[in-house]
Each structure stands twice: as C-alpha cells, then as structure tokens.
PDB file of N, CA and C in Angstrom:
ATOM      1  N   UNK A   1     342.758 -75.727   5.054  1.00  0.00           N
ATOM      2  CA  UNK A   1     341.557 -75.149   4.132  1.00  0.00           C
ATOM      3  C   UNK A   1     342.313 -75.043   2.713  1.00  0.00           C
ATOM      4  N   UNK A   2     341.894 -75.291   1.806  1.00  0.00           N
ATOM      5  CA  UNK A   2     342.736 -74.885   0.514  1.00  0.00           C
ATOM      6  C   UNK A   2     342.197 -73.741  -0.147  1.00  0.00           C
ATOM      7  N   UNK A   3     343.252 -73.168  -1.025  1.00  0.00           N
ATOM      8  CA  UNK A   3     342.957 -71.981  -1.842  1.00  0.00           C
ATOM      9  C   UNK A   3     341.523 -71.952  -2.401  1.00  0.00           C
ATOM     10  N   UNK A   4     341.217 -72.950  -2.984  1.00  0.00           N
ATOM     11  CA  UNK A   4     340.033 -73.082  -3.514  1.00  0.00           C
ATOM     12  C   UNK A   4     338.783 -72.693  -2.592  1.00  0.00           C
ATOM     13  N   UNK A   5     338.755 -73.134  -1.525  1.00  0.00           N
ATOM     14  CA  UNK A   5     337.784 -72.855  -0.521  1.00  0.00           C
ATOM     15  C   UNK A   5     338.085 -71.232   0.018  1.00  0.00           C
ATOM     16  N   UNK A   6     339.291 -70.741   0.356  1.00  0.00           N
ATOM     17  CA  UNK A   6     339.488 -69.596   1.038  1.00  0.00           C
ATOM     18  C   UNK A   6     340.579 -69.088   0.154  1.00  0.00           C
ATOM     19  N   UNK A   7     340.298 -68.467  -1.186  1.00  0.00           N
ATOM     20  CA  UNK A   7     341.135 -67.916  -1.917  1.00  0.00           C
ATOM     21  C   UNK A   7     341.650 -66.624  -1.577  1.00  0.00           C
ATOM     22  N   UNK A   8     341.083 -65.652  -0.561  1.00  0.00           N
ATOM     23  CA  UNK A   8     341.527 -64.615  -0.155  1.00  0.00           C
ATOM     24  C   UNK A   8     341.520 -64.474   1.300  1.00  0.00           C
ATOM     25  N   UNK A   9     342.930 -63.994   1.789  1.00  0.00           N
ATOM     26  CA  UNK A   9     342.902 -63.655   3.235  1.00  0.00           C
ATOM     27  C   UNK A   9     343.168 -62.445   3.505  1.00  0.00           C
ATOM     28  N   UNK A  10     342.224 -62.029   4.345  1.00  0.00           N
ATOM     29  CA  UNK A  10     342.228 -60.546   4.871  1.00  0.00           C
ATOM     30  C   UNK A  10     342.726 -60.286   6.240  1.00  0.00           C
ATOM     31  N   UNK A  11     343.856 -59.733   6.307  1.00  0.00           N
ATOM     32  CA  UNK A  11     344.637 -59.577   7.572  1.00  0.00           C
ATOM     33  C   UNK A  11     344.326 -58.513   8.309  1.00  0.00           C
ATOM     34  N   UNK A  12     344.198 -58.206   9.535  1.00  0.00           N
ATOM     35  CA  UNK A  12     344.360 -56.813  10.217  1.00  0.00           C
ATOM     36  C   UNK A  12     345.841 -56.509  10.418  1.00  0.00           C
ATOM     37  N   UNK A  13     346.088 -55.190   9.854  1.00  0.00           N
ATOM     38  CA  UNK A  13     347.468 -54.880   9.826  1.00  0.00           C
ATOM     39  C   UNK A  13     348.017 -54.999  11.178  1.00  0.00           C
ATOM     40  N   UNK A  14     347.215 -54.376  12.012  1.00  0.00           N
ATOM     41  CA  UNK A  14     347.696 -54.269  13.512  1.00  0.00           C
ATOM     42  C   UNK A  14     348.090 -55.658  14.210  1.00  0.00           C
ATOM     43  N   UNK A  15     347.468 -56.772  13.527  1.00  0.00           N
ATOM     44  CA  UNK A  15     347.536 -58.240  14.063  1.00  0.00           C
ATOM     45  C   UNK A  15     349.114 -58.789  13.598  1.00  0.00           C
ATOM     46  N   UNK A  16     349.927 -57.960  12.749  1.00  0.00           N
ATOM     47  CA  UNK A  16     351.075 -58.318  12.171  1.00  0.00           C
ATOM     48  C   UNK A  16     352.049 -57.695  13.246  1.00  0.00           C
ATOM     49  N   UNK A  17     352.273 -58.825  14.293  1.00  0.00           N
ATOM     50  CA  UNK A  17     353.025 -58.102  15.391  1.00  0.00           C
ATOM     51  C   UNK A  17     354.660 -57.980  15.328  1.00  0.00           C
ATOM     52  N   UNK A  18     355.039 -56.794  15.670  1.00  0.00           N
ATOM     53  CA  UNK A  18     356.530 -56.480  15.401  1.00  0.00           C
ATOM     54  C   UNK A  18     356.882 -54.910  16.508  1.00  0.00           C
ATOM     55  N   UNK A  19     357.841 -54.977  16.779  1.00  0.00           N
ATOM     56  CA  UNK A  19     358.487 -54.002  17.666  1.00  0.00           C
ATOM     57  C   UNK A  19     358.548 -52.693  16.734  1.00  0.00           C
ATOM     58  N   UNK A  20     358.959 -52.648  15.594  1.00  0.00           N
ATOM     59  CA  UNK A  20     359.076 -51.573  14.845  1.00  0.00           C
ATOM     60  C   UNK A  20     358.284 -51.606  13.336  1.00  0.00           C
ATOM     61  N   UNK A  21     358.406 -50.642  12.737  1.00  0.00           N
ATOM     62  CA  UNK A  21     357.670 -50.617  11.352  1.00  0.00           C
ATOM     63  C   UNK A  21     358.458 -51.434  10.329  1.00  0.00           C
ATOM     64  N   UNK A  22     359.710 -51.359  10.329  1.00  0.00           N
ATOM     65  CA  UNK A  22     360.586 -52.565   9.619  1.00  0.00           C
ATOM     66  C   UNK A  22     360.405 -53.842   9.886  1.00  0.00           C
ATOM     67  N   UNK A  23     360.034 -54.166  11.251  1.00  0.00           N
ATOM     68  CA  UNK A  23     359.711 -55.470  11.537  1.00  0.00           C
ATOM     69  C   UNK A  23     358.462 -56.001  11.083  1.00  0.00           C
ATOM     70  N   UNK A  24     357.399 -55.070  11.100  1.00  0.00           N
ATOM     71  CA  UNK A  24     356.244 -55.475  10.628  1.00  0.00           C
ATOM     72  C   UNK A  24     356.198 -55.696   9.290  1.00  0.00           C
ATOM     73  N   UNK A  25     356.888 -54.789   8.264  1.00  0.00           N
ATOM     74  CA  UNK A  25     357.120 -54.722   7.024  1.00  0.00           C
ATOM     75  C   UNK A  25     357.468 -56.261   6.456  1.00  0.00           C
ATOM     76  N   UNK A  26     358.742 -56.701   7.248  1.00  0.00           N
ATOM     77  CA  UNK A  26     359.290 -57.966   7.280  1.00  0.00           C
ATOM     78  C   UNK A  26     358.476 -59.114   7.547  1.00  0.00           C
ATOM     79  N   UNK A  27     357.780 -59.274   8.605  1.00  0.00           N
ATOM     80  CA  UNK A  27     356.521 -60.172   8.780  1.00  0.00           C
ATOM     81  C   UNK A  27     355.549 -60.108   7.810  1.00  0.00           C
ATOM     82  N   UNK A  28     355.220 -58.831   7.312  1.00  0.00           N
ATOM     83  CA  UNK A  28     354.082 -59.133   6.406  1.00  0.00           C
ATOM     84  C   UNK A  28     354.622 -59.540   5.058  1.00  0.00           C
ATOM     85  N   UNK A  29     355.858 -58.893   4.524  1.00  0.00           N
ATOM     86  CA  UNK A  29     356.388 -59.804   3.351  1.00  0.00           C
ATOM     87  C   UNK A  29     356.199 -61.247   3.537  1.00  0.00           C
ATOM     88  N   UNK A  30     356.950 -61.889   4.623  1.00  0.00           N
ATOM     89  CA  UNK A  30     356.941 -63.048   4.596  1.00  0.00           C
ATOM     90  C   UNK A  30     355.520 -64.016   4.848  1.00  0.00           C
ATOM     91  N   UNK A  31     354.464 -63.168   5.162  1.00  0.00           N
ATOM     92  CA  UNK A  31     353.228 -63.892   5.224  1.00  0.00           C
ATOM     93  C   UNK A  31     352.569 -63.711   3.688  1.00  0.00           C
ATOM     94  N   UNK A  32     352.791 -62.541   3.220  1.00  0.00           N
ATOM     95  CA  UNK A  32     352.564 -62.652   1.828  1.00  0.00           C
ATOM     96  C   UNK A  32     353.026 -63.705   0.882  1.00  0.00           C
ATOM     97  N   UNK A  33     354.453 -63.713   0.965  1.00  0.00           N
ATOM     98  CA  UNK A  33     354.926 -65.060   0.434  1.00  0.00           C
ATOM     99  C   UNK A  33     354.492 -66.373   0.579  1.00  0.00           C
ATOM    100  N   UNK A  34     354.104 -66.720   1.908  1.00  0.00           N
ATOM    101  CA  UNK A  34     353.719 -68.004   2.144  1.00  0.00           C
ATOM    102  C   UNK A  34     352.173 -68.010   1.616  1.00  0.00           C
ATOM    103  N   UNK A  35     351.399 -67.081   1.644  1.00  0.00           N
ATOM    104  CA  UNK A  35     350.295 -67.124   1.315  1.00  0.00           C
ATOM    105  C   UNK A  35     350.073 -67.306  -0.267  1.00  0.00           C
ATOM    106  N   UNK A  36     350.932 -66.563  -0.918  1.00  0.00           N
ATOM    107  CA  UNK A  36     350.953 -66.490  -2.389  1.00  0.00           C
ATOM    108  C   UNK A  36     351.476 -67.829  -2.808  1.00  0.00           C
ATOM    109  N   UNK A  37     352.305 -68.684  -2.135  1.00  0.00           N
ATOM    110  CA  UNK A  37     352.861 -69.914  -2.290  1.00  0.00           C
ATOM    111  C   UNK A  37     351.702 -70.929  -2.221  1.00  0.00           C
ATOM    112  N   UNK A  38     351.084 -70.445  -1.459  1.00  0.00           N
ATOM    113  CA  UNK A  38     349.636 -71.343  -1.164  1.00  0.00           C
ATOM    114  C   UNK A  38     348.474 -71.288  -2.193  1.00  0.00           C
ATOM    115  N   UNK A  39     348.782 -70.169  -3.193  1.00  0.00           N
ATOM    116  CA  UNK A  39     347.704 -70.015  -4.436  1.00  0.00           C
ATOM    117  C   UNK A  39     346.754 -68.799  -3.722  1.00  0.00           C
ATOM    118  N   UNK A  40     346.934 -68.094  -2.509  1.00  0.00           N
ATOM    119  CA  UNK A  40     345.928 -67.203  -1.945  1.00  0.00           C
ATOM    120  C   UNK A  40     346.342 -65.814  -2.375  1.00  0.00           C
ATOM    121  N   UNK A  41     345.254 -65.038  -2.576  1.00  0.00           N
ATOM    122  CA  UNK A  41     345.339 -63.716  -2.475  1.00  0.00           C
ATOM    123  C   UNK A  41     345.601 -62.928  -1.347  1.00  0.00           C
ATOM    124  N   UNK A  42     346.029 -61.831  -1.029  1.00  0.00           N
ATOM    125  CA  UNK A  42     346.223 -61.137   0.569  1.00  0.00           C
ATOM    126  C   UNK A  42     345.653 -59.816   0.375  1.00  0.00           C
ATOM    127  N   UNK A  43     345.046 -59.401   1.377  1.00  0.00           N
ATOM    128  CA  UNK A  43     344.662 -58.024   1.570  1.00  0.00           C
ATOM    129  C   UNK A  43     345.069 -57.644   3.198  1.00  0.00           C
ATOM    130  N   UNK A  44     345.557 -56.469   3.338  1.00  0.00           N
ATOM    131  CA  UNK A  44     345.568 -56.173   4.723  1.00  0.00           C
ATOM    132  C   UNK A  44     344.699 -54.968   5.004  1.00  0.00           C
ATOM    133  N   UNK A  45     343.719 -54.964   6.141  1.00  0.00           N
ATOM    134  CA  UNK A  45     342.886 -54.048   6.496  1.00  0.00           C
ATOM    135  C   UNK A  45     343.454 -53.330   7.495  1.00  0.00           C
ATOM    136  N   UNK A  46     343.163 -52.173   7.843  1.00  0.00           N
ATOM    137  CA  UNK A  46     343.475 -51.265   9.051  1.00  0.00           C
ATOM    138  C   UNK A  46     344.833 -50.538   8.781  1.00  0.00           C
ATOM    139  N   UNK A  47     345.204 -50.700   7.519  1.00  0.00           N
ATOM    140  CA  UNK A  47     346.583 -49.933   7.093  1.00  0.00           C
ATOM    141  C   UNK A  47     346.507 -48.384   7.176  1.00  0.00           C
ATOM    142  N   UNK A  48     347.743 -47.884   7.617  1.00  0.00           N
ATOM    143  CA  UNK A  48     347.293 -46.399   7.898  1.00  0.00           C
ATOM    144  C   UNK A  48     347.433 -45.931   6.182  1.00  0.00           C
ATOM    145  N   UNK A  49     346.808 -44.740   6.012  1.00  0.00           N
ATOM    146  CA  UNK A  49     347.002 -44.182   4.723  1.00  0.00           C
ATOM    147  C   UNK A  49     348.248 -43.101   4.386  1.00  0.00           C
ATOM    148  N   UNK A  50     349.305 -43.946   4.011  1.00  0.00           N
ATOM    149  CA  UNK A  50     350.514 -43.416   3.928  1.00  0.00           C
ATOM    150  C   UNK A  50     351.366 -43.977   2.628  1.00  0.00           C
ATOM    151  N   UNK A  51     351.692 -42.881   1.884  1.00  0.00           N
ATOM    152  CA  UNK A  51     352.461 -43.284   0.959  1.00  0.00           C
ATOM    153  C   UNK A  51     353.658 -43.989   0.727  1.00  0.00           C
ATOM    154  N   UNK A  52     354.382 -44.176   1.757  1.00  0.00           N
ATOM    155  CA  UNK A  52     355.635 -44.981   1.990  1.00  0.00           C
ATOM    156  C   UNK A  52     355.168 -46.603   2.299  1.00  0.00           C
ATOM    157  N   UNK A  53     353.939 -46.535   3.095  1.00  0.00           N
ATOM    158  CA  UNK A  53     353.434 -47.895   3.392  1.00  0.00           C
ATOM    159  C   UNK A  53     352.770 -48.396   2.178  1.00  0.00           C
ATOM    160  N   UNK A  54     352.024 -47.658   1.625  1.00  0.00           N
ATOM    161  CA  UNK A  54     351.335 -48.308   0.146  1.00  0.00           C
ATOM    162  C   UNK A  54     352.518 -48.743  -0.914  1.00  0.00           C
ATOM    163  N   UNK A  55     353.739 -47.900  -0.998  1.00  0.00           N
ATOM    164  CA  UNK A  55     354.638 -48.248  -1.830  1.00  0.00           C
ATOM    165  C   UNK A  55     355.123 -49.652  -1.537  1.00  0.00           C
ATOM    166  N   UNK A  56     355.640 -49.820  -0.222  1.00  0.00           N
ATOM    167  CA  UNK A  56     355.765 -51.105   0.578  1.00  0.00           C
ATOM    168  C   UNK A  56     355.055 -52.333   0.121  1.00  0.00           C
ATOM    169  N   UNK A  57     353.692 -52.065   0.348  1.00  0.00           N
ATOM    170  CA  UNK A  57     352.843 -52.951  -0.085  1.00  0.00           C
ATOM    171  C   UNK A  57     352.598 -53.351  -1.621  1.00  0.00           C
ATOM    172  N   UNK A  58     352.957 -52.347  -2.348  1.00  0.00           N
ATOM    173  CA  UNK A  58     352.832 -52.518  -3.826  1.00  0.00           C
ATOM    174  C   UNK A  58     354.051 -53.377  -3.951  1.00  0.00           C
ATOM    175  N   UNK A  59     355.239 -53.053  -3.368  1.00  0.00           N
ATOM    176  CA  UNK A  59     356.432 -53.873  -3.759  1.00  0.00           C
ATOM    177  C   UNK A  59     356.524 -55.252  -2.982  1.00  0.00           C
ATOM    178  N   UNK A  60     355.584 -55.493  -2.118  1.00  0.00           N
ATOM    179  CA  UNK A  60     355.581 -56.916  -1.721  1.00  0.00           C
ATOM    180  C   UNK A  60     354.520 -57.589  -2.337  1.00  0.00           C
ATOM    181  N   UNK A  61     354.065 -57.352  -3.426  1.00  0.00           N
ATOM    182  CA  UNK A  61     352.899 -57.740  -4.258  1.00  0.00           C
ATOM    183  C   UNK A  61     351.352 -58.008  -3.337  1.00  0.00           C
ATOM    184  N   UNK A  62     351.387 -57.439  -2.669  1.00  0.00           N
ATOM    185  CA  UNK A  62     349.819 -57.412  -1.890  1.00  0.00           C
ATOM    186  C   UNK A  62     348.909 -57.250  -3.054  1.00  0.00           C
ATOM    187  N   UNK A  63     347.741 -58.291  -3.148  1.00  0.00           N
ATOM    188  CA  UNK A  63     346.865 -58.001  -3.996  1.00  0.00           C
ATOM    189  C   UNK A  63     345.869 -57.059  -3.989  1.00  0.00           C
ATOM    190  N   UNK A  64     345.549 -56.619  -2.638  1.00  0.00           N
ATOM    191  CA  UNK A  64     344.511 -55.626  -2.506  1.00  0.00           C
ATOM    192  C   UNK A  64     345.166 -54.689  -1.597  1.00  0.00           C
ATOM    193  N   UNK A  65     344.957 -53.010  -1.791  1.00  0.00           N
ATOM    194  CA  UNK A  65     345.396 -52.368  -0.737  1.00  0.00           C
ATOM    195  C   UNK A  65     344.173 -51.624  -0.429  1.00  0.00           C
ATOM    196  N   UNK A  66     343.697 -51.576   0.717  1.00  0.00           N
ATOM    197  CA  UNK A  66     342.543 -50.713   1.074  1.00  0.00           C
ATOM    198  C   UNK A  66     342.870 -49.334   1.596  1.00  0.00           C
ATOM    199  N   UNK A  67     342.123 -48.191   1.418  1.00  0.00           N
ATOM    200  CA  UNK A  67     342.532 -47.016   1.815  1.00  0.00           C
ATOM    201  C   UNK A  67     341.058 -46.276   1.942  1.00  0.00           C
ATOM    202  N   UNK A  68     341.203 -45.264   2.765  1.00  0.00           N
ATOM    203  CA  UNK A  68     339.953 -44.098   2.984  1.00  0.00           C
ATOM    204  C   UNK A  68     340.163 -43.316   2.070  1.00  0.00           C
ATOM    205  N   UNK A  69     341.522 -43.148   1.136  1.00  0.00           N
ATOM    206  CA  UNK A  69     341.683 -41.884   0.688  1.00  0.00           C
ATOM    207  C   UNK A  69     342.153 -42.512  -1.076  1.00  0.00           C
ATOM    208  N   UNK A  70     341.060 -43.341  -1.745  1.00  0.00           N
ATOM    209  CA  UNK A  70     341.131 -43.639  -3.079  1.00  0.00           C
ATOM    210  C   UNK A  70     341.876 -42.822  -4.155  1.00  0.00           C
ATOM    211  N   UNK A  71     341.415 -41.834  -4.360  1.00  0.00           N
ATOM    212  CA  UNK A  71     342.285 -40.848  -5.179  1.00  0.00           C
ATOM    213  C   UNK A  71     343.663 -40.572  -5.002  1.00  0.00           C
ATOM    214  N   UNK A  72     344.280 -40.604  -3.968  1.00  0.00           N
ATOM    215  CA  UNK A  72     345.696 -40.424  -3.510  1.00  0.00           C
ATOM    216  C   UNK A  72     346.353 -41.785  -3.884  1.00  0.00           C
ATOM    217  N   UNK A  73     345.652 -42.884  -3.288  1.00  0.00           N
ATOM    218  CA  UNK A  73     346.281 -44.240  -3.731  1.00  0.00           C
ATOM    219  C   UNK A  73     346.166 -44.314  -5.291  1.00  0.00           C
ATOM    220  N   UNK A  74     345.248 -44.031  -5.964  1.00  0.00           N
ATOM    221  CA  UNK A  74     345.202 -44.188  -7.334  1.00  0.00           C
ATOM    222  C   UNK A  74     346.339 -43.257  -7.978  1.00  0.00           C
ATOM    223  N   UNK A  75     346.501 -42.029  -7.530  1.00  0.00           N
ATOM    224  CA  UNK A  75     347.999 -41.180  -8.056  1.00  0.00           C
ATOM    225  C   UNK A  75     349.041 -42.142  -7.896  1.00  0.00           C
ATOM    226  N   UNK A  76     349.093 -42.738  -6.712  1.00  0.00           N
ATOM    227  CA  UNK A  76     350.618 -43.267  -6.494  1.00  0.00           C
ATOM    228  C   UNK A  76     350.787 -44.426  -7.574  1.00  0.00           C
ATOM    229  N   UNK A  77     349.278 -45.469  -7.592  1.00  0.00           N
ATOM    230  CA  UNK A  77     349.520 -46.497  -8.542  1.00  0.00           C
ATOM    231  C   UNK A  77     349.640 -46.046  -9.904  1.00  0.00           C
ATOM    232  N   UNK A  78     349.242 -44.910 -10.218  1.00  0.00           N
ATOM    233  CA  UNK A  78     349.649 -44.593 -11.677  1.00  0.00           C
ATOM    234  C   UNK A  78     351.110 -44.161 -11.841  1.00  0.00           C
ATOM    235  N   UNK A  79     351.476 -43.408 -10.771  1.00  0.00           N
ATOM    236  CA  UNK A  79     352.870 -43.216 -10.913  1.00  0.00           C
ATOM    237  C   UNK A  79     353.853 -44.551 -10.927  1.00  0.00           C
ATOM    238  N   UNK A  80     353.396 -45.207 -10.182  1.00  0.00           N
ATOM    239  CA  UNK A  80     354.149 -46.611 -10.134  1.00  0.00           C
ATOM    240  C   UNK A  80     353.894 -47.348 -11.453  1.00  0.00           C
ATOM    241  N   UNK A  81     352.976 -47.025 -12.441  1.00  0.00           N
ATOM    242  CA  UNK A  81     352.699 -47.823 -13.301  1.00  0.00           C
ATOM    243  C   UNK A  81     351.908 -49.133 -13.184  1.00  0.00           C
ATOM    244  N   UNK A  82     351.342 -49.307 -12.144  1.00  0.00           N
ATOM    245  CA  UNK A  82     350.726 -50.196 -11.798  1.00  0.00           C
ATOM    246  C   UNK A  82     349.407 -50.426 -12.319  1.00  0.00           C
ATOM    247  N   UNK A  83     348.515 -49.252 -12.431  1.00  0.00           N
ATOM    248  CA  UNK A  83     347.358 -49.022 -13.002  1.00  0.00           C
ATOM    249  C   UNK A  83     347.324 -47.802 -14.181  1.00  0.00           C
ATOM    250  N   UNK A  84     346.584 -47.943 -15.084  1.00  0.00           N
ATOM    251  CA  UNK A  84     346.775 -47.043 -16.166  1.00  0.00           C
ATOM    252  C   UNK A  84     345.770 -45.436 -15.752  1.00  0.00           C
ATOM    253  N   UNK A  85     345.861 -44.625 -16.329  1.00  0.00           N
ATOM    254  CA  UNK A  85     344.941 -43.292 -15.925  1.00  0.00           C
ATOM    255  C   UNK A  85     343.567 -43.671 -16.537  1.00  0.00           C
TER     256      UNK A  85
END
C-alpha cells in the first residue's frame, strides 16, 4: 500500500516491543525513519504523558504526539520552539 493510499500510520506505543524504554525508543526511531522514507506520517497512540518521552518523540520527528494533557504538551512544544505561543 502506498503513502498516497495510507499517508498516516498510527501505532500503539505498547506494540513497539522492547525490554527497556531505551530499546523501545530505538525501535520507535527506526520505525519513524522507515515510514518517513516511504513518505508517510507517524503517530503513536497510548504513549505515557511524560515530558521526557514527549521530548524523545519530538527529537525523532514524530508527526503527531497524542496526549491527555494538551496544555502541558503545548508548554513543552513552546519551550522547544516547535510551536508559537
């Protein structure tokens, strides 16, 4: 299936199998790189609402970051200069 047909891939964070958080982040980074190379956008769902994880997702160029705490995420994205105020 091409990116024209399925331009966004939404992945359950828990489905990124790893023994540790560092391994999960490395696996997620590889997945993001592969999907971006295919011209797709990436979103992980079910991610914990943790600032450190959000920073990692932004650093790996995830296209959409989901959260149950949008105001806290917005503050972080503003601090990182990703979005304006």
